[in-house]
C-alpha atoms as a PDB file:
ATOM      1  CA  MET A   1     -35.570  22.031 -65.246  1.00  0.00           C
ATOM      2  CA  THR A   2     -39.265  20.306 -63.676  1.00  0.00           C
ATOM      3  CA  THR A   3     -42.016  19.718 -65.761  1.00  0.00           C
ATOM      4  CA  LEU A   4     -44.817  18.320 -64.791  1.00  0.00           C
ATOM      5  CA  SER A   5     -46.857  15.362 -65.795  1.00  0.00           C
ATOM      6  CA  ALA A   6     -50.582  16.111 -66.651  1.00  0.00           C
ATOM      7  CA  LYS A   7     -52.666  13.610 -64.735  1.00  0.00           C
ATOM      8  CA  THR A   8     -55.822  12.006 -65.560  1.00  0.00           C
ATOM      9  CA  LEU A   9     -58.970  12.857 -64.865  1.00  0.00           C
ATOM     10  CA  ASN A  10     -62.119  10.610 -66.175  1.00  0.00           C
ATOM     11  CA  LEU A  11     -65.131  12.822 -66.476  1.00  0.00           C
ATOM     12  CA  ILE A  12     -68.243  11.012 -66.417  1.00  0.00           C
ATOM     13  CA  PRO A  13     -71.724  12.658 -66.918  1.00  0.00           C
ATOM     14  CA  GLY A  14     -73.325  14.210 -63.765  1.00  0.00           C
ATOM     15  CA  LYS A  15     -70.750  14.187 -61.115  1.00  0.00           C
ATOM     16  CA  LEU A  16     -68.319  16.953 -61.855  1.00  0.00           C
ATOM     17  CA  THR A  17     -67.180  17.649 -58.774  1.00  0.00           C
ATOM     18  CA  LEU A  18     -65.539  21.117 -57.761  1.00  0.00           C
ATOM     19  CA  ALA A  19     -62.113  19.336 -56.812  1.00  0.00           C
ATOM     20  CA  GLN A  20     -61.942  17.756 -60.110  1.00  0.00           C
ATOM     21  CA  LEU A  21     -62.120  21.702 -60.935  1.00  0.00           C
ATOM     22  CA  ARG A  22     -59.834  22.633 -58.948  1.00  0.00           C
ATOM     23  CA  ASP A  23     -57.360  20.337 -60.373  1.00  0.00           C
ATOM     24  CA  ILE A  24     -58.369  20.957 -64.466  1.00  0.00           C
ATOM     25  CA  TYR A  25     -57.903  24.922 -62.559  1.00  0.00           C
ATOM     26  CA  LEU A  26     -54.551  24.521 -61.016  1.00  0.00           C
ATOM     27  CA  GLN A  27     -52.590  21.721 -63.040  1.00  0.00           C
ATOM     28  CA  PRO A  28     -52.182  20.462 -66.389  1.00  0.00           C
ATOM     29  CA  VAL A  29     -54.575  17.361 -66.419  1.00  0.00           C
ATOM     30  CA  SER A  30     -55.661  15.605 -69.808  1.00  0.00           C
ATOM     31  CA  LEU A  31     -59.286  14.713 -69.931  1.00  0.00           C
ATOM     32  CA  THR A  32     -60.713  11.596 -70.704  1.00  0.00           C
ATOM     33  CA  LEU A  33     -64.459  10.668 -70.840  1.00  0.00           C
ATOM     34  CA  ASP A  34     -66.036   8.145 -69.390  1.00  0.00           C
ATOM     35  CA  SER A  35     -67.214   5.814 -71.835  1.00  0.00           C
ATOM     36  CA  SER A  36     -71.188   5.715 -69.457  1.00  0.00           C
ATOM     37  CA  ALA A  37     -71.766   8.713 -72.106  1.00  0.00           C
ATOM     38  CA  ASP A  38     -71.821   6.843 -75.720  1.00  0.00           C
ATOM     39  CA  GLN A  39     -75.400   6.188 -75.707  1.00  0.00           C
ATOM     40  CA  GLN A  40     -76.483   9.828 -74.475  1.00  0.00           C
ATOM     41  CA  ILE A  41     -73.798  11.201 -77.518  1.00  0.00           C
ATOM     42  CA  ASP A  42     -75.486   8.673 -79.754  1.00  0.00           C
ATOM     43  CA  ASP A  43     -79.105  10.082 -78.223  1.00  0.00           C
ATOM     44  CA  SER A  44     -78.133  13.511 -78.760  1.00  0.00           C
ATOM     45  CA  VAL A  45     -76.709  12.717 -82.345  1.00  0.00           C
ATOM     46  CA  ALA A  46     -80.260  11.379 -83.174  1.00  0.00           C
ATOM     47  CA  CYS A  47     -82.059  14.141 -81.741  1.00  0.00           C
ATOM     48  CA  VAL A  48     -80.660  16.947 -84.076  1.00  0.00           C
ATOM     49  CA  GLU A  49     -80.596  14.037 -87.291  1.00  0.00           C
ATOM     50  CA  ARG A  50     -84.303  13.947 -86.718  1.00  0.00           C
ATOM     51  CA  ILE A  51     -84.967  17.738 -86.207  1.00  0.00           C
ATOM     52  CA  LEU A  52     -82.570  18.467 -89.587  1.00  0.00           C
ATOM     53  CA  ALA A  53     -84.651  15.274 -91.274  1.00  0.00           C
ATOM     54  CA  GLU A  54     -88.197  17.263 -90.344  1.00  0.00           C
ATOM     55  CA  ASN A  55     -86.628  20.405 -91.286  1.00  0.00           C
ATOM     56  CA  ARG A  56     -87.792  22.173 -88.125  1.00  0.00           C
ATOM     57  CA  THR A  57     -86.301  24.800 -86.851  1.00  0.00           C
ATOM     58  CA  ALA A  58     -84.081  24.817 -84.106  1.00  0.00           C
ATOM     59  CA  TYR A  59     -82.343  27.259 -82.333  1.00  0.00           C
ATOM     60  CA  GLY A  60     -77.982  26.772 -82.563  1.00  0.00           C
ATOM     61  CA  ILE A  61     -78.730  23.631 -85.022  1.00  0.00           C
ATOM     62  CA  ASN A  62     -79.750  25.500 -88.645  1.00  0.00           C
ATOM     63  CA  THR A  63     -80.277  29.066 -86.754  1.00  0.00           C
ATOM     64  CA  GLY A  64     -77.687  31.610 -86.305  1.00  0.00           C
ATOM     65  CA  PHE A  65     -77.434  33.074 -82.573  1.00  0.00           C
ATOM     66  CA  GLY A  66     -78.606  35.575 -79.914  1.00  0.00           C
ATOM     67  CA  LEU A  67     -80.116  38.052 -82.198  1.00  0.00           C
ATOM     68  CA  LEU A  68     -79.585  36.263 -85.550  1.00  0.00           C
ATOM     69  CA  ALA A  69     -81.445  33.619 -83.605  1.00  0.00           C
ATOM     70  CA  SER A  70     -84.552  34.433 -85.956  1.00  0.00           C
ATOM     71  CA  THR A  71     -81.876  34.321 -89.435  1.00  0.00           C
ATOM     72  CA  ARG A  72     -82.203  29.932 -90.554  1.00  0.00           C
ATOM     73  CA  ILE A  73     -78.915  28.894 -92.164  1.00  0.00           C
ATOM     74  CA  ALA A  74     -79.050  27.443 -95.512  1.00  0.00           C
ATOM     75  CA  SER A  75     -78.487  23.117 -95.541  1.00  0.00           C
ATOM     76  CA  GLU A  76     -75.003  23.484 -96.614  1.00  0.00           C
ATOM     77  CA  ASP A  77     -73.998  26.135 -94.091  1.00  0.00           C
ATOM     78  CA  LEU A  78     -74.390  23.426 -90.707  1.00  0.00           C
ATOM     79  CA  GLU A  79     -71.228  22.452 -90.638  1.00  0.00           C
ATOM     80  CA  ASN A  80     -69.039  25.377 -91.229  1.00  0.00           C
ATOM     81  CA  LEU A  81     -71.674  27.366 -88.780  1.00  0.00           C
ATOM     82  CA  GLN A  82     -70.884  24.613 -86.042  1.00  0.00           C
ATOM     83  CA  ARG A  83     -66.911  24.649 -87.012  1.00  0.00           C
ATOM     84  CA  SER A  84     -67.208  27.828 -86.564  1.00  0.00           C
ATOM     85  CA  LEU A  85     -68.976  27.797 -82.996  1.00  0.00           C
ATOM     86  CA  VAL A  86     -67.159  25.830 -81.755  1.00  0.00           C
ATOM     87  CA  LEU A  87     -63.761  28.149 -82.727  1.00  0.00           C
ATOM     88  CA  SER A  88     -65.586  30.876 -81.158  1.00  0.00           C
ATOM     89  CA  HIS A  89     -65.545  29.509 -77.963  1.00  0.00           C
ATOM     90  CA  ALA A  90     -61.561  27.935 -78.068  1.00  0.00           C
ATOM     91  CA  ALA A  91     -60.766  31.349 -78.720  1.00  0.00           C
ATOM     92  CA  GLY A  92     -60.699  32.798 -75.115  1.00  0.00           C
ATOM     93  CA  VAL A  93     -58.115  34.721 -73.378  1.00  0.00           C
ATOM     94  CA  GLY A  94     -56.481  34.296 -70.356  1.00  0.00           C
END
């Protein structure tokens, strides 16, 4: 029996190539996120924290999605909202 070892691809924000997408599709691939993304991630976290601290409404952060976009989600339910969003996208078929 032959087993394929996973190739490691380092993803750099803004630099994803068609060749990398092909590799991800065709073979076992282990993905890493380049450290150049760290500052962008930190900036995004700070932005979301500001929105919440200022009690502003922001789609998908503290509202429902789609037809429920005008429904404000209670602060104590936000963690569950985000977790459910990730899980709903992780349940793909195919």
